[in-house]
């Protein structure tokens, strides 16, 4: 399902780094997000949906692609951690 919803992504020790992004699409098992940041495959990311800050889920980055239209922007694939 295509979404476009704002999201915050927390990573690093003690969630020390927070990046903002937008969900491109979402499914039961994961999502793709348009964002900036130091993401790489295998990272653990806490996802906070705007308007639902009490519903934090942990995902793993399963792929990273540079966005064609923006200099530092990325698309990342996140899979829900079992």
C-alpha atoms as a PDB file:
ATOM      1  CA  UNK A   1       0.000   0.000   0.000  1.00  0.00           C
ATOM      2  CA  UNK A   2       1.396   3.430  -0.916  1.00  0.00           C
ATOM      3  CA  UNK A   3       1.357   5.832   2.008  1.00  0.00           C
ATOM      4  CA  UNK A   4       3.503   9.024   2.109  1.00  0.00           C
ATOM      5  CA  UNK A   5       3.178   9.259   5.910  1.00  0.00           C
ATOM      6  CA  UNK A   6       5.897  11.108   7.900  1.00  0.00           C
ATOM      7  CA  UNK A   7       8.039   8.876  10.098  1.00  0.00           C
ATOM      8  CA  UNK A   8      10.960   9.237  12.510  1.00  0.00           C
ATOM      9  CA  UNK A   9      13.795   6.694  12.420  1.00  0.00           C
ATOM     10  CA  UNK A  10      15.982   6.199  15.489  1.00  0.00           C
ATOM     11  CA  UNK A  11      19.309   4.445  15.297  1.00  0.00           C
ATOM     12  CA  UNK A  12      22.630   4.273  17.087  1.00  0.00           C
ATOM     13  CA  UNK A  13      23.506   3.572  20.672  1.00  0.00           C
ATOM     14  CA  UNK A  14      20.608   4.526  22.919  1.00  0.00           C
ATOM     15  CA  UNK A  15      18.727   5.790  19.845  1.00  0.00           C
ATOM     16  CA  UNK A  16      21.159   8.711  19.735  1.00  0.00           C
ATOM     17  CA  UNK A  17      20.518   9.558  16.065  1.00  0.00           C
ATOM     18  CA  UNK A  18      17.082  10.447  14.736  1.00  0.00           C
ATOM     19  CA  UNK A  19      16.280  10.997  11.070  1.00  0.00           C
ATOM     20  CA  UNK A  20      12.992  12.076   9.513  1.00  0.00           C
ATOM     21  CA  UNK A  21      11.546  10.422   6.455  1.00  0.00           C
ATOM     22  CA  UNK A  22       8.381   9.494   4.605  1.00  0.00           C
ATOM     23  CA  UNK A  23       6.950   6.026   4.145  1.00  0.00           C
ATOM     24  CA  UNK A  24       6.748   5.204   0.446  1.00  0.00           C
ATOM     25  CA  UNK A  25       4.898   1.919   0.867  1.00  0.00           C
ATOM     26  CA  UNK A  26       4.096  -0.444   3.705  1.00  0.00           C
ATOM     27  CA  UNK A  27       3.060  -4.068   4.163  1.00  0.00           C
ATOM     28  CA  UNK A  28       2.602  -6.503   7.052  1.00  0.00           C
ATOM     29  CA  UNK A  29       6.309  -7.410   7.060  1.00  0.00           C
ATOM     30  CA  UNK A  30       7.974  -4.099   6.315  1.00  0.00           C
ATOM     31  CA  UNK A  31       8.139  -0.775   4.542  1.00  0.00           C
ATOM     32  CA  UNK A  32      10.227   1.366   2.236  1.00  0.00           C
ATOM     33  CA  UNK A  33      11.136   4.848   3.391  1.00  0.00           C
ATOM     34  CA  UNK A  34      12.489   7.959   1.633  1.00  0.00           C
ATOM     35  CA  UNK A  35      14.990   9.621   3.985  1.00  0.00           C
ATOM     36  CA  UNK A  36      18.503  10.944   4.608  1.00  0.00           C
ATOM     37  CA  UNK A  37      21.005   9.451   6.960  1.00  0.00           C
ATOM     38  CA  UNK A  38      23.748   6.972   7.612  1.00  0.00           C
ATOM     39  CA  UNK A  39      21.781   3.794   6.864  1.00  0.00           C
ATOM     40  CA  UNK A  40      23.357   0.490   5.835  1.00  0.00           C
ATOM     41  CA  UNK A  41      22.123  -3.058   5.411  1.00  0.00           C
ATOM     42  CA  UNK A  42      21.798  -4.938   8.707  1.00  0.00           C
ATOM     43  CA  UNK A  43      21.227  -1.894  10.926  1.00  0.00           C
ATOM     44  CA  UNK A  44      18.543  -1.992  13.584  1.00  0.00           C
ATOM     45  CA  UNK A  45      16.122   0.949  13.342  1.00  0.00           C
ATOM     46  CA  UNK A  46      13.289   1.992  15.629  1.00  0.00           C
ATOM     47  CA  UNK A  47      10.382   3.389  13.622  1.00  0.00           C
ATOM     48  CA  UNK A  48       8.064   5.998  15.131  1.00  0.00           C
ATOM     49  CA  UNK A  49       4.959   6.878  13.144  1.00  0.00           C
ATOM     50  CA  UNK A  50       3.851  10.488  13.368  1.00  0.00           C
ATOM     51  CA  UNK A  51       0.733  10.691  15.524  1.00  0.00           C
ATOM     52  CA  UNK A  52       1.402   7.271  17.090  1.00  0.00           C
ATOM     53  CA  UNK A  53       4.573   7.919  19.096  1.00  0.00           C
ATOM     54  CA  UNK A  54       3.695   5.216  21.638  1.00  0.00           C
ATOM     55  CA  UNK A  55       3.771   2.518  18.910  1.00  0.00           C
ATOM     56  CA  UNK A  56       7.518   1.987  18.327  1.00  0.00           C
ATOM     57  CA  UNK A  57       8.607  -1.067  16.340  1.00  0.00           C
ATOM     58  CA  UNK A  58      12.093  -2.392  15.594  1.00  0.00           C
ATOM     59  CA  UNK A  59      13.022  -3.051  11.959  1.00  0.00           C
ATOM     60  CA  UNK A  60      16.161  -4.186  10.147  1.00  0.00           C
ATOM     61  CA  UNK A  61      17.487  -2.390   7.082  1.00  0.00           C
ATOM     62  CA  UNK A  62      17.442  -4.968   4.262  1.00  0.00           C
ATOM     63  CA  UNK A  63      18.368  -2.726   1.320  1.00  0.00           C
ATOM     64  CA  UNK A  64      19.567   0.838   0.635  1.00  0.00           C
ATOM     65  CA  UNK A  65      19.318   2.747  -2.676  1.00  0.00           C
ATOM     66  CA  UNK A  66      20.282   6.303  -3.559  1.00  0.00           C
ATOM     67  CA  UNK A  67      17.338   8.440  -4.623  1.00  0.00           C
ATOM     68  CA  UNK A  68      17.842   9.666  -8.193  1.00  0.00           C
ATOM     69  CA  UNK A  69      16.369  13.134  -7.758  1.00  0.00           C
ATOM     70  CA  UNK A  70      17.993  14.224  -4.470  1.00  0.00           C
ATOM     71  CA  UNK A  71      21.680  14.601  -3.657  1.00  0.00           C
ATOM     72  CA  UNK A  72      21.908  12.855  -0.275  1.00  0.00           C
ATOM     73  CA  UNK A  73      18.482  11.220  -0.164  1.00  0.00           C
ATOM     74  CA  UNK A  74      18.004   7.459   0.095  1.00  0.00           C
ATOM     75  CA  UNK A  75      15.328   4.856  -0.184  1.00  0.00           C
ATOM     76  CA  UNK A  76      15.662   2.156   2.458  1.00  0.00           C
ATOM     77  CA  UNK A  77      13.853  -1.142   2.825  1.00  0.00           C
ATOM     78  CA  UNK A  78      12.903  -2.066   6.375  1.00  0.00           C
ATOM     79  CA  UNK A  79      11.778  -5.507   7.519  1.00  0.00           C
ATOM     80  CA  UNK A  80       9.987  -6.037  10.814  1.00  0.00           C
ATOM     81  CA  UNK A  81      12.261  -7.770  13.291  1.00  0.00           C
ATOM     82  CA  UNK A  82      10.706 -11.054  14.496  1.00  0.00           C
END
